[in-house]
Amino acid sequence: MTEYVMAAIDGSSFSESVCDYAAWASQALGSPLMLLHAVDNRLPAVEGADLSGSLRLGAREALMQELAELDEKRAKINREQGQLMLEDAAARAAERGTADAQTRQRNGTLVETLVDYEDETRLLVLGKRGESADQASGHLGSSLERVVRELHRPILMVPRGGFSVPQKVMIAFDGSKTARKGVEMLAKSPLFKGLSCHVVTVGADTAEQRMALAWAVDLLQQAGLEAQGAIHAGDAEVTLHAYETENDIDITVMGAYGHSRIRQLLVGSTTTSMLRNAHIPVLILR
C-alpha cells in the first residue's frame, strides 16, 4: 500500500502553510502528496428548540421538506467549495515543486476521515488553531487534540505564516524509551537530512541525564547529522519555547507520550496550550 504525506486542507488561512510544508515533506521523504478535505455537513443544534407542538401537521411537513432541500443545497455547496480548495492547494503544491499531488474529498468529520486514512499516511500535516483563528478553521483546531491522541502516525502541526525551508530542528528529549525511539526515527529519516539538530532535555543536570543526552547526540552524528545537546532546568513549555527563540529553531520534534514533564505537554489539557502557543511547526512522533 502506498503511504502518502497527507495534508488536511480546509478553508482556513492555515491551509497555505499546510500545503507548503506538505510539499516540502513530500519531496524530502520521497513520498507522494495527498491533499485531503473533509466535508462535515453537520449543523449545530439550536438550544431549547422544540417546534413539535407549535406547527400543524401539514405546516410541519412542508417545513421539514424545505429544510431537507436546504440541507441538500448546503451539502452540494460545501462539496463544490471543498473541491475548489483542493484545486487551489494542488496548484500551490505544484508551484513548490510537487506537481503530481493527488486530491481526495470525504464526507464526515476531520478526525474520522484521518483515522480512516491512517494506513495510507506516512506523515500527516495539518494546521493549528491560534487565538485569532478565523471561523472556518474552528473544526480543525477543536479536533487537534483528538487527532494527536487517536492517530498513530507522525503529525506535523504548522502555524499560520510564511514558509521557509527548515534549517534547524530541536528535539525535546527526556531519555525515555519513547524519546529514544524518536531519536532513532529521526536518525533514519531523510526529512532532516542536512539540518542542524539540537537535542534539548528539560530537567536537572545529572550524570544520568548527560549520559542519555550523549547517546542521542552520538546517534544523530553517526547518521551524518550535525547535532548538539543541552540540558536546561525549568518549566518544560517555557524552557522549550525560549530555546526555540534563542537558537532560531525552525521545527520542534516531540514524542506524543513520555515519562517526564515533557510528557505532560502532550497529555491532557496542556496539549492544546502547547500547540496553540507554538510559533513554528511541531512534529509529533508516535
C-alpha atoms as a PDB file:
ATOM      1  CA  MET A   1       0.000   0.000   0.000  1.00  0.00           C
ATOM      2  CA  THR A   2       1.288   3.448  -0.929  1.00  0.00           C
ATOM      3  CA  GLU A   3       1.992   5.734   2.023  1.00  0.00           C
ATOM      4  CA  TYR A   4       1.397   9.439   1.475  1.00  0.00           C
ATOM      5  CA  VAL A   5       2.298  12.713   3.040  1.00  0.00           C
ATOM      6  CA  MET A   6      -1.299  13.583   3.915  1.00  0.00           C
ATOM      7  CA  ALA A   7      -2.225  17.277   4.061  1.00  0.00           C
ATOM      8  CA  ALA A   8      -5.505  18.263   5.744  1.00  0.00           C
ATOM      9  CA  ILE A   9      -6.920  21.166   3.718  1.00  0.00           C
ATOM     10  CA  ASP A  10      -9.816  23.374   4.830  1.00  0.00           C
ATOM     11  CA  GLY A  11     -10.975  26.938   4.266  1.00  0.00           C
ATOM     12  CA  SER A  12      -8.767  28.486   6.938  1.00  0.00           C
ATOM     13  CA  SER A  13      -5.737  30.691   6.441  1.00  0.00           C
ATOM     14  CA  PHE A  14      -3.584  27.844   7.807  1.00  0.00           C
ATOM     15  CA  SER A  15      -4.071  25.827   4.622  1.00  0.00           C
ATOM     16  CA  GLU A  16      -1.395  27.715   2.695  1.00  0.00           C
ATOM     17  CA  SER A  17       1.225  26.771   5.306  1.00  0.00           C
ATOM     18  CA  VAL A  18      -0.100  23.213   5.407  1.00  0.00           C
ATOM     19  CA  CYS A  19       0.276  22.944   1.646  1.00  0.00           C
ATOM     20  CA  ASP A  20       3.790  24.447   1.632  1.00  0.00           C
ATOM     21  CA  TYR A  21       5.167  22.238   4.408  1.00  0.00           C
ATOM     22  CA  ALA A  22       3.463  19.165   2.989  1.00  0.00           C
ATOM     23  CA  ALA A  23       5.051  19.772  -0.411  1.00  0.00           C
ATOM     24  CA  TRP A  24       8.456  20.143   1.263  1.00  0.00           C
ATOM     25  CA  ALA A  25       7.972  16.972   3.299  1.00  0.00           C
ATOM     26  CA  SER A  26       6.784  15.040   0.242  1.00  0.00           C
ATOM     27  CA  GLN A  27       9.964  15.894  -1.623  1.00  0.00           C
ATOM     28  CA  ALA A  28      12.244  15.291   1.369  1.00  0.00           C
ATOM     29  CA  LEU A  29      10.699  11.897   2.177  1.00  0.00           C
ATOM     30  CA  GLY A  30      10.244  10.821  -1.429  1.00  0.00           C
ATOM     31  CA  SER A  31       6.578  10.059  -0.689  1.00  0.00           C
ATOM     32  CA  PRO A  32       3.622  11.173  -2.832  1.00  0.00           C
ATOM     33  CA  LEU A  33       1.457  14.025  -1.607  1.00  0.00           C
ATOM     34  CA  MET A  34      -2.244  13.604  -0.883  1.00  0.00           C
ATOM     35  CA  LEU A  35      -4.414  16.686  -0.296  1.00  0.00           C
ATOM     36  CA  LEU A  36      -7.424  15.706   1.796  1.00  0.00           C
ATOM     37  CA  HIS A  37     -10.573  17.677   2.564  1.00  0.00           C
ATOM     38  CA  ALA A  38     -13.257  16.510   4.995  1.00  0.00           C
ATOM     39  CA  VAL A  39     -16.769  17.808   4.333  1.00  0.00           C
ATOM     40  CA  ASP A  40     -18.648  17.999   7.628  1.00  0.00           C
ATOM     41  CA  ASN A  41     -22.262  18.945   6.877  1.00  0.00           C
ATOM     42  CA  ARG A  42     -23.491  18.728  10.437  1.00  0.00           C
ATOM     43  CA  LEU A  43     -25.331  21.766  11.763  1.00  0.00           C
ATOM     44  CA  PRO A  44     -25.107  22.772  15.437  1.00  0.00           C
ATOM     45  CA  ALA A  45     -28.284  22.083  17.357  1.00  0.00           C
ATOM     46  CA  VAL A  46     -30.375  25.075  18.377  1.00  0.00           C
ATOM     47  CA  GLU A  47     -30.588  25.216  22.153  1.00  0.00           C
ATOM     48  CA  GLY A  48     -34.048  24.812  23.530  1.00  0.00           C
ATOM     49  CA  ALA A  49     -35.610  24.487  20.099  1.00  0.00           C
ATOM     50  CA  ASP A  50     -38.708  22.279  20.171  1.00  0.00           C
ATOM     51  CA  LEU A  51     -41.233  23.115  17.487  1.00  0.00           C
ATOM     52  CA  SER A  52     -43.036  19.793  17.624  1.00  0.00           C
ATOM     53  CA  GLY A  53     -46.196  21.280  19.090  1.00  0.00           C
ATOM     54  CA  SER A  54     -46.144  24.723  17.534  1.00  0.00           C
ATOM     55  CA  LEU A  55     -46.998  23.743  13.964  1.00  0.00           C
ATOM     56  CA  ARG A  56     -49.943  21.928  12.441  1.00  0.00           C
ATOM     57  CA  LEU A  57     -49.153  18.631  10.725  1.00  0.00           C
ATOM     58  CA  GLY A  58     -49.321  19.993   7.194  1.00  0.00           C
ATOM     59  CA  ALA A  59     -47.214  23.033   8.028  1.00  0.00           C
ATOM     60  CA  ARG A  60     -44.662  20.888   9.828  1.00  0.00           C
ATOM     61  CA  GLU A  61     -44.314  18.521   6.864  1.00  0.00           C
ATOM     62  CA  ALA A  62     -43.860  21.448   4.471  1.00  0.00           C
ATOM     63  CA  LEU A  63     -41.213  22.981   6.715  1.00  0.00           C
ATOM     64  CA  MET A  64     -39.346  19.693   7.058  1.00  0.00           C
ATOM     65  CA  GLN A  65     -39.334  19.300   3.288  1.00  0.00           C
ATOM     66  CA  GLU A  66     -37.954  22.800   2.843  1.00  0.00           C
ATOM     67  CA  LEU A  67     -35.265  22.201   5.453  1.00  0.00           C
ATOM     68  CA  ALA A  68     -34.262  18.948   3.769  1.00  0.00           C
ATOM     69  CA  GLU A  69     -33.908  20.772   0.440  1.00  0.00           C
ATOM     70  CA  LEU A  70     -31.807  23.473   2.093  1.00  0.00           C
ATOM     71  CA  ASP A  71     -29.560  20.825   3.663  1.00  0.00           C
ATOM     72  CA  GLU A  72     -29.078  19.211   0.272  1.00  0.00           C
ATOM     73  CA  LYS A  73     -28.154  22.545  -1.313  1.00  0.00           C
ATOM     74  CA  ARG A  74     -25.785  23.353   1.510  1.00  0.00           C
ATOM     75  CA  ALA A  75     -24.074  19.975   1.198  1.00  0.00           C
ATOM     76  CA  LYS A  76     -23.635  20.499  -2.535  1.00  0.00           C
ATOM     77  CA  ILE A  77     -22.142  23.952  -1.997  1.00  0.00           C
ATOM     78  CA  ASN A  78     -19.775  22.554   0.648  1.00  0.00           C
ATOM     79  CA  ARG A  79     -18.579  19.854  -1.727  1.00  0.00           C
ATOM     80  CA  GLU A  80     -18.045  22.329  -4.556  1.00  0.00           C
ATOM     81  CA  GLN A  81     -16.238  24.740  -2.249  1.00  0.00           C
ATOM     82  CA  GLY A  82     -14.029  21.930  -0.971  1.00  0.00           C
ATOM     83  CA  GLN A  83     -13.163  20.871  -4.499  1.00  0.00           C
ATOM     84  CA  LEU A  84     -12.062  24.418  -5.309  1.00  0.00           C
ATOM     85  CA  MET A  85      -9.891  24.419  -2.164  1.00  0.00           C
ATOM     86  CA  LEU A  86      -8.239  21.188  -3.250  1.00  0.00           C
ATOM     87  CA  GLU A  87      -7.625  22.518  -6.759  1.00  0.00           C
ATOM     88  CA  ASP A  88      -6.013  25.663  -5.353  1.00  0.00           C
ATOM     89  CA  ALA A  89      -3.893  23.584  -2.965  1.00  0.00           C
ATOM     90  CA  ALA A  90      -2.728  21.305  -5.789  1.00  0.00           C
ATOM     91  CA  ALA A  91      -1.720  24.350  -7.831  1.00  0.00           C
ATOM     92  CA  ARG A  92       0.193  25.756  -4.868  1.00  0.00           C
ATOM     93  CA  ALA A  93       1.963  22.436  -4.299  1.00  0.00           C
ATOM     94  CA  ALA A  94       2.955  22.411  -7.968  1.00  0.00           C
ATOM     95  CA  GLU A  95       4.498  25.853  -7.515  1.00  0.00           C
ATOM     96  CA  ARG A  96       6.530  24.342  -4.656  1.00  0.00           C
ATOM     97  CA  GLY A  97       7.813  21.587  -6.915  1.00  0.00           C
ATOM     98  CA  THR A  98       5.253  18.838  -6.221  1.00  0.00           C
ATOM     99  CA  ALA A  99       3.329  18.651  -9.463  1.00  0.00           C
ATOM    100  CA  ASP A 100       1.647  15.267  -9.050  1.00  0.00           C
ATOM    101  CA  ALA A 101      -0.307  15.799  -5.817  1.00  0.00           C
ATOM    102  CA  GLN A 102      -3.471  13.731  -5.544  1.00  0.00           C
ATOM    103  CA  THR A 103      -6.701  15.082  -4.051  1.00  0.00           C
ATOM    104  CA  ARG A 104      -9.498  13.408  -2.109  1.00  0.00           C
ATOM    105  CA  GLN A 105     -12.713  14.707  -0.623  1.00  0.00           C
ATOM    106  CA  ARG A 106     -14.561  12.789   2.062  1.00  0.00           C
ATOM    107  CA  ASN A 107     -17.876  13.327   3.861  1.00  0.00           C
ATOM    108  CA  GLY A 108     -17.504  13.193   7.641  1.00  0.00           C
ATOM    109  CA  THR A 109     -15.599  14.774  10.488  1.00  0.00           C
ATOM    110  CA  LEU A 110     -11.894  15.526  10.228  1.00  0.00           C
ATOM    111  CA  VAL A 111     -10.917  13.015  12.916  1.00  0.00           C
ATOM    112  CA  GLU A 112     -12.995  10.199  11.414  1.00  0.00           C
ATOM    113  CA  THR A 113     -11.556  10.898   7.980  1.00  0.00           C
ATOM    114  CA  LEU A 114      -7.931  10.928   9.148  1.00  0.00           C
ATOM    115  CA  VAL A 115      -8.372   7.722  11.131  1.00  0.00           C
ATOM    116  CA  ASP A 116      -9.879   6.026   8.067  1.00  0.00           C
ATOM    117  CA  TYR A 117      -6.829   7.015   6.004  1.00  0.00           C
ATOM    118  CA  GLU A 118      -4.305   6.183   8.718  1.00  0.00           C
ATOM    119  CA  ASP A 119      -2.911   3.111   6.939  1.00  0.00           C
ATOM    120  CA  GLU A 120      -2.116   5.249   3.891  1.00  0.00           C
ATOM    121  CA  THR A 121      -0.458   8.006   5.918  1.00  0.00           C
ATOM    122  CA  ARG A 122       3.292   8.264   6.354  1.00  0.00           C
ATOM    123  CA  LEU A 123       3.133  11.812   7.699  1.00  0.00           C
ATOM    124  CA  LEU A 124       0.109  13.981   8.447  1.00  0.00           C
ATOM    125  CA  VAL A 125       0.408  17.746   8.013  1.00  0.00           C
ATOM    126  CA  LEU A 126      -2.322  19.942   9.487  1.00  0.00           C
ATOM    127  CA  GLY A 127      -2.762  23.475  10.758  1.00  0.00           C
ATOM    128  CA  LYS A 128      -3.080  24.612  14.328  1.00  0.00           C
ATOM    129  CA  ARG A 129      -5.797  26.810  15.783  1.00  0.00           C
ATOM    130  CA  GLY A 130      -4.439  30.065  17.152  1.00  0.00           C
ATOM    131  CA  GLU A 131      -6.239  32.525  19.401  1.00  0.00           C
ATOM    132  CA  SER A 132      -7.195  34.662  16.405  1.00  0.00           C
ATOM    133  CA  ALA A 133      -8.028  31.767  14.075  1.00  0.00           C
ATOM    134  CA  ASP A 134     -10.817  32.530  11.676  1.00  0.00           C
ATOM    135  CA  GLN A 135     -14.136  30.740  11.984  1.00  0.00           C
ATOM    136  CA  ALA A 136     -13.502  28.423   9.047  1.00  0.00           C
ATOM    137  CA  SER A 137     -10.667  26.715  10.891  1.00  0.00           C
ATOM    138  CA  GLY A 138     -12.647  26.036  14.056  1.00  0.00           C
ATOM    139  CA  HIS A 139     -13.291  22.361  13.382  1.00  0.00           C
ATOM    140  CA  LEU A 140      -9.592  21.801  12.697  1.00  0.00           C
ATOM    141  CA  GLY A 141      -8.416  23.408  15.913  1.00  0.00           C
ATOM    142  CA  SER A 142     -11.062  21.823  18.118  1.00  0.00           C
ATOM    143  CA  SER A 143     -10.154  18.405  16.741  1.00  0.00           C
ATOM    144  CA  LEU A 144      -6.401  18.782  17.094  1.00  0.00           C
ATOM    145  CA  GLU A 145      -6.007  17.072  20.450  1.00  0.00           C
ATOM    146  CA  ARG A 146      -8.186  14.144  19.351  1.00  0.00           C
ATOM    147  CA  VAL A 147      -6.090  13.752  16.210  1.00  0.00           C
ATOM    148  CA  VAL A 148      -2.907  13.646  18.299  1.00  0.00           C
ATOM    149  CA  ARG A 149      -4.399  11.043  20.610  1.00  0.00           C
ATOM    150  CA  GLU A 150      -6.048   8.805  18.012  1.00  0.00           C
ATOM    151  CA  LEU A 151      -3.738   8.848  15.001  1.00  0.00           C
ATOM    152  CA  HIS A 152      -0.681   6.612  15.341  1.00  0.00           C
ATOM    153  CA  ARG A 153       1.350   8.345  12.685  1.00  0.00           C
ATOM    154  CA  PRO A 154       3.822  11.260  12.808  1.00  0.00           C
ATOM    155  CA  ILE A 155       1.943  14.569  12.771  1.00  0.00           C
ATOM    156  CA  LEU A 156       3.440  17.849  11.592  1.00  0.00           C
ATOM    157  CA  MET A 157       1.383  20.712  13.005  1.00  0.00           C
ATOM    158  CA  VAL A 158       2.108  24.008  11.286  1.00  0.00           C
ATOM    159  CA  PRO A 159       1.228  27.576  12.325  1.00  0.00           C
ATOM    160  CA  ARG A 160      -0.121  30.282  10.079  1.00  0.00           C
ATOM    161  CA  GLY A 161       2.535  32.298   8.308  1.00  0.00           C
ATOM    162  CA  GLY A 162       5.232  32.219   5.667  1.00  0.00           C
ATOM    163  CA  PHE A 163       7.113  29.059   4.738  1.00  0.00           C
ATOM    164  CA  SER A 164      10.877  28.703   4.674  1.00  0.00           C
ATOM    165  CA  VAL A 165      12.903  25.554   4.174  1.00  0.00           C
ATOM    166  CA  PRO A 166      13.845  24.336   7.678  1.00  0.00           C
ATOM    167  CA  GLN A 167      17.491  24.611   8.669  1.00  0.00           C
ATOM    168  CA  LYS A 168      17.431  23.884  12.420  1.00  0.00           C
ATOM    169  CA  VAL A 169      15.410  21.300  14.320  1.00  0.00           C
ATOM    170  CA  MET A 170      15.030  20.968  18.091  1.00  0.00           C
ATOM    171  CA  ILE A 171      14.279  17.561  19.617  1.00  0.00           C
ATOM    172  CA  ALA A 172      12.659  17.575  23.072  1.00  0.00           C
ATOM    173  CA  PHE A 173      14.364  14.612  24.734  1.00  0.00           C
ATOM    174  CA  ASP A 174      13.620  13.138  28.178  1.00  0.00           C
ATOM    175  CA  GLY A 175      15.635   9.927  27.951  1.00  0.00           C
ATOM    176  CA  SER A 176      12.546   7.693  27.956  1.00  0.00           C
ATOM    177  CA  LYS A 177      12.104   4.674  25.723  1.00  0.00           C
ATOM    178  CA  THR A 178       9.666   6.632  23.565  1.00  0.00           C
ATOM    179  CA  ALA A 179      12.080   9.560  23.243  1.00  0.00           C
ATOM    180  CA  ARG A 180      14.930   7.237  22.279  1.00  0.00           C
ATOM    181  CA  LYS A 181      12.737   5.648  19.643  1.00  0.00           C
ATOM    182  CA  GLY A 182      12.032   9.140  18.318  1.00  0.00           C
ATOM    183  CA  VAL A 183      15.742   9.907  18.014  1.00  0.00           C
ATOM    184  CA  GLU A 184      16.259   6.617  16.176  1.00  0.00           C
ATOM    185  CA  MET A 185      13.443   7.522  13.787  1.00  0.00           C
ATOM    186  CA  LEU A 186      14.978  10.907  13.060  1.00  0.00           C
ATOM    187  CA  ALA A 187      18.423   9.417  12.509  1.00  0.00           C
ATOM    188  CA  LYS A 188      16.972   7.183   9.787  1.00  0.00           C
ATOM    189  CA  SER A 189      14.580   9.694   8.247  1.00  0.00           C
ATOM    190  CA  PRO A 190      15.542  11.707   5.151  1.00  0.00           C
ATOM    191  CA  LEU A 191      13.246  14.521   6.353  1.00  0.00           C
ATOM    192  CA  PHE A 192      16.002  16.195   8.370  1.00  0.00           C
ATOM    193  CA  LYS A 193      18.971  15.353   6.184  1.00  0.00           C
ATOM    194  CA  GLY A 194      21.399  18.275   6.222  1.00  0.00           C
ATOM    195  CA  LEU A 195      19.672  20.064   9.103  1.00  0.00           C
ATOM    196  CA  SER A 196      21.312  21.145  12.344  1.00  0.00           C
ATOM    197  CA  CYS A 197      19.816  19.127  15.240  1.00  0.00           C
ATOM    198  CA  HIS A 198      19.517  20.458  18.799  1.00  0.00           C
ATOM    199  CA  VAL A 199      18.691  17.808  21.410  1.00  0.00           C
ATOM    200  CA  VAL A 200      17.241  19.521  24.493  1.00  0.00           C
ATOM    201  CA  THR A 201      16.481  17.968  27.874  1.00  0.00           C
ATOM    202  CA  VAL A 202      14.413  19.856  30.456  1.00  0.00           C
ATOM    203  CA  GLY A 203      15.364  18.855  33.975  1.00  0.00           C
ATOM    204  CA  ALA A 204      18.230  18.579  36.444  1.00  0.00           C
ATOM    205  CA  ASP A 205      21.774  18.376  35.074  1.00  0.00           C
ATOM    206  CA  THR A 206      22.611  14.912  36.387  1.00  0.00           C
ATOM    207  CA  ALA A 207      25.060  12.246  35.260  1.00  0.00           C
ATOM    208  CA  GLU A 208      22.139  10.118  34.100  1.00  0.00           C
ATOM    209  CA  GLN A 209      20.673  12.947  32.028  1.00  0.00           C
ATOM    210  CA  ARG A 210      24.063  13.747  30.487  1.00  0.00           C
ATOM    211  CA  MET A 211      24.614  10.098  29.577  1.00  0.00           C
ATOM    212  CA  ALA A 212      21.223   9.827  27.890  1.00  0.00           C
ATOM    213  CA  LEU A 213      21.767  13.094  26.047  1.00  0.00           C
ATOM    214  CA  ALA A 214      25.214  11.976  24.856  1.00  0.00           C
ATOM    215  CA  TRP A 215      23.663   8.794  23.463  1.00  0.00           C
ATOM    216  CA  ALA A 216      21.138  10.812  21.452  1.00  0.00           C
ATOM    217  CA  VAL A 217      23.723  13.252  20.088  1.00  0.00           C
ATOM    218  CA  ASP A 218      26.135  10.448  19.176  1.00  0.00           C
ATOM    219  CA  LEU A 219      23.433   8.501  17.347  1.00  0.00           C
ATOM    220  CA  LEU A 220      22.456  11.521  15.259  1.00  0.00           C
ATOM    221  CA  GLN A 221      26.090  12.329  14.481  1.00  0.00           C
ATOM    222  CA  GLN A 222      26.729   8.740  13.418  1.00  0.00           C
ATOM    223  CA  ALA A 223      23.818   9.147  10.994  1.00  0.00           C
ATOM    224  CA  GLY A 224      25.653  12.069   9.417  1.00  0.00           C
ATOM    225  CA  LEU A 225      23.670  14.853  11.074  1.00  0.00           C
ATOM    226  CA  GLU A 226      25.117  17.916  12.749  1.00  0.00           C
ATOM    227  CA  ALA A 227      23.940  17.551  16.345  1.00  0.00           C
ATOM    228  CA  GLN A 228      24.429  19.191  19.723  1.00  0.00           C
ATOM    229  CA  GLY A 229      22.839  18.717  23.132  1.00  0.00           C
ATOM    230  CA  ALA A 230      21.703  20.926  26.012  1.00  0.00           C
ATOM    231  CA  ILE A 231      20.157  20.467  29.465  1.00  0.00           C
ATOM    232  CA  HIS A 232      18.031  23.229  30.979  1.00  0.00           C
ATOM    233  CA  ALA A 233      16.071  23.346  34.211  1.00  0.00           C
ATOM    234  CA  GLY A 234      12.666  24.989  34.446  1.00  0.00           C
ATOM    235  CA  ASP A 235       9.112  24.662  33.261  1.00  0.00           C
ATOM    236  CA  ALA A 236       9.133  22.415  30.201  1.00  0.00           C
ATOM    237  CA  GLU A 237       6.908  24.511  27.933  1.00  0.00           C
ATOM    238  CA  VAL A 238       8.517  27.844  28.831  1.00  0.00           C
ATOM    239  CA  THR A 239      12.031  26.421  28.559  1.00  0.00           C
ATOM    240  CA  LEU A 240      11.494  24.789  25.185  1.00  0.00           C
ATOM    241  CA  HIS A 241       9.836  27.874  23.682  1.00  0.00           C
ATOM    242  CA  ALA A 242      12.709  30.034  24.981  1.00  0.00           C
ATOM    243  CA  TYR A 243      15.280  27.713  23.436  1.00  0.00           C
ATOM    244  CA  GLU A 244      13.437  27.845  20.105  1.00  0.00           C
ATOM    245  CA  THR A 245      13.633  31.622  20.070  1.00  0.00           C
ATOM    246  CA  GLU A 246      17.226  31.930  21.281  1.00  0.00           C
ATOM    247  CA  ASN A 247      18.546  29.433  18.753  1.00  0.00           C
ATOM    248  CA  ASP A 248      16.380  30.278  15.717  1.00  0.00           C
ATOM    249  CA  ILE A 249      14.830  26.812  15.626  1.00  0.00           C
ATOM    250  CA  ASP A 250      12.647  26.083  12.584  1.00  0.00           C
ATOM    251  CA  ILE A 251      10.904  22.858  13.710  1.00  0.00           C
ATOM    252  CA  THR A 252      10.395  21.254  17.118  1.00  0.00           C
ATOM    253  CA  VAL A 253      10.138  17.468  17.436  1.00  0.00           C
ATOM    254  CA  MET A 254       8.378  15.827  20.374  1.00  0.00           C
ATOM    255  CA  GLY A 255       7.138  12.393  21.345  1.00  0.00           C
ATOM    256  CA  ALA A 256       3.417  12.146  21.994  1.00  0.00           C
ATOM    257  CA  TYR A 257       3.997  10.163  25.148  1.00  0.00           C
ATOM    258  CA  GLY A 258       6.938  10.039  27.541  1.00  0.00           C
ATOM    259  CA  HIS A 259       7.526   9.702  31.271  1.00  0.00           C
ATOM    260  CA  SER A 260       8.546  13.145  32.487  1.00  0.00           C
ATOM    261  CA  ARG A 261       7.429  16.764  32.471  1.00  0.00           C
ATOM    262  CA  ILE A 262       7.729  16.754  28.687  1.00  0.00           C
ATOM    263  CA  ARG A 263       5.045  14.033  28.715  1.00  0.00           C
ATOM    264  CA  GLN A 264       2.643  16.484  30.328  1.00  0.00           C
ATOM    265  CA  LEU A 265       2.894  18.797  27.318  1.00  0.00           C
ATOM    266  CA  LEU A 266       1.020  16.351  25.116  1.00  0.00           C
ATOM    267  CA  VAL A 267      -1.278  14.653  27.577  1.00  0.00           C
ATOM    268  CA  GLY A 268      -4.480  16.178  28.906  1.00  0.00           C
ATOM    269  CA  SER A 269      -5.398  19.838  28.872  1.00  0.00           C
ATOM    270  CA  THR A 270      -1.836  21.109  28.302  1.00  0.00           C
ATOM    271  CA  THR A 271      -1.827  19.616  24.803  1.00  0.00           C
ATOM    272  CA  THR A 272      -3.911  22.461  23.405  1.00  0.00           C
ATOM    273  CA  SER A 273      -1.847  25.040  25.266  1.00  0.00           C
ATOM    274  CA  MET A 274       1.495  23.801  23.953  1.00  0.00           C
ATOM    275  CA  LEU A 275       0.383  23.516  20.373  1.00  0.00           C
ATOM    276  CA  ARG A 276      -1.636  26.730  20.381  1.00  0.00           C
ATOM    277  CA  ASN A 277       1.365  28.711  21.655  1.00  0.00           C
ATOM    278  CA  ALA A 278       3.693  27.263  19.020  1.00  0.00           C
ATOM    279  CA  HIS A 279       5.063  29.778  16.535  1.00  0.00           C
ATOM    280  CA  ILE A 280       6.954  27.196  14.484  1.00  0.00           C
ATOM    281  CA  PRO A 281       5.958  23.742  13.174  1.00  0.00           C
ATOM    282  CA  VAL A 282       5.835  20.906  15.705  1.00  0.00           C
ATOM    283  CA  LEU A 283       6.458  17.317  14.608  1.00  0.00           C
ATOM    284  CA  ILE A 284       4.721  14.897  16.988  1.00  0.00           C
ATOM    285  CA  LEU A 285       6.108  11.357  16.878  1.00  0.00           C
ATOM    286  CA  ARG A 286       4.130   8.285  17.853  1.00  0.00           C
END
